[in-house]
Amino acid sequence: VFTPTRYRPPHTPTEHIIADTFAEVLGLDRVGLDDNFFTLGGDSLLATRATTRLQLALNTEIPIRTLFD
């Protein structure tokens, strides 16, 4: 059961990068702090794409398991 939450925008630069990356990969206009990547339509292939983009944007290692958790 999906329960919509009130949109909370990202605040920090890192939150903006993550939200923008998720929105781009998922083909959405925006993603908020409380939105779930998989509830919004993400799957394992898109998760791989998102983590690769985040690693490049944030210059850090991000295991794909982090997104699933």
Protein backbone atom coordinates (compact mmCIF):
# COMPACT_ATOMS: atom_id res chain seq x y z
CA VAL A 1 0.00 0.00 0.00
CA PHE A 2 1.43 3.35 -1.04
CA THR A 3 0.74 6.29 1.22
CA PRO A 4 1.71 9.63 -0.32
CA THR A 5 3.79 11.87 1.88
CA ARG A 6 4.07 15.60 1.90
CA TYR A 7 6.87 16.80 -0.35
CA ARG A 8 9.97 17.89 1.55
CA PRO A 9 12.57 19.48 -0.72
CA PRO A 10 16.30 18.79 -0.41
CA HIS A 11 18.27 21.36 1.59
CA THR A 12 21.98 20.57 1.46
CA PRO A 13 24.09 20.39 -1.70
CA THR A 14 24.44 16.61 -1.26
CA GLU A 15 20.67 16.18 -0.86
CA HIS A 16 20.15 18.21 -4.05
CA ILE A 17 22.59 16.02 -5.99
CA ILE A 18 20.88 12.83 -4.79
CA ALA A 19 17.35 14.12 -5.43
CA ASP A 20 18.26 15.48 -8.87
CA THR A 21 20.00 12.24 -9.82
CA PHE A 22 17.02 10.14 -8.73
CA ALA A 23 14.61 12.41 -10.60
CA GLU A 24 16.71 12.25 -13.76
CA VAL A 25 17.13 8.47 -13.67
CA LEU A 26 13.44 7.95 -12.92
CA GLY A 27 12.23 10.52 -15.46
CA LEU A 28 10.47 12.64 -12.82
CA ASP A 29 10.26 16.39 -12.31
CA ARG A 30 11.31 16.23 -8.67
CA VAL A 31 12.14 13.87 -5.83
CA GLY A 32 11.83 14.83 -2.18
CA LEU A 33 13.64 13.79 0.98
CA ASP A 34 11.02 11.24 1.98
CA ASP A 35 10.50 9.67 -1.45
CA ASN A 36 11.52 6.06 -1.93
CA PHE A 37 13.49 5.31 -5.10
CA PHE A 38 11.77 1.97 -5.65
CA THR A 39 8.27 3.19 -4.82
CA LEU A 40 8.75 5.88 -7.46
CA GLY A 41 9.41 3.23 -10.11
CA GLY A 42 13.06 2.35 -9.59
CA ASP A 43 14.36 -1.15 -10.27
CA SER A 44 17.75 -2.86 -10.05
CA LEU A 45 18.90 -1.57 -13.45
CA LEU A 46 17.95 2.01 -12.61
CA ALA A 47 19.55 1.60 -9.17
CA THR A 48 22.83 0.66 -10.85
CA ARG A 49 22.56 3.69 -13.13
CA ALA A 50 21.77 5.98 -10.17
CA THR A 51 24.65 4.76 -8.00
CA THR A 52 27.11 5.16 -10.86
CA ARG A 53 25.99 8.75 -11.44
CA LEU A 54 26.08 9.51 -7.71
CA GLN A 55 29.60 8.11 -7.39
CA LEU A 56 30.78 10.39 -10.17
CA ALA A 57 28.92 13.45 -8.86
CA LEU A 58 29.96 12.97 -5.23
CA ASN A 59 33.42 11.54 -5.92
CA THR A 60 32.91 8.71 -3.46
CA GLU A 61 32.22 4.99 -3.49
CA ILE A 62 28.54 4.14 -3.05
CA PRO A 63 27.72 0.44 -2.90
CA ILE A 64 24.48 -0.38 -4.71
CA ARG A 65 23.34 -2.12 -1.51
CA THR A 66 23.10 1.35 0.08
CA LEU A 67 20.28 2.24 -2.30
CA PHE A 68 18.44 -0.98 -1.55
CA ASP A 69 18.73 -0.37 2.19
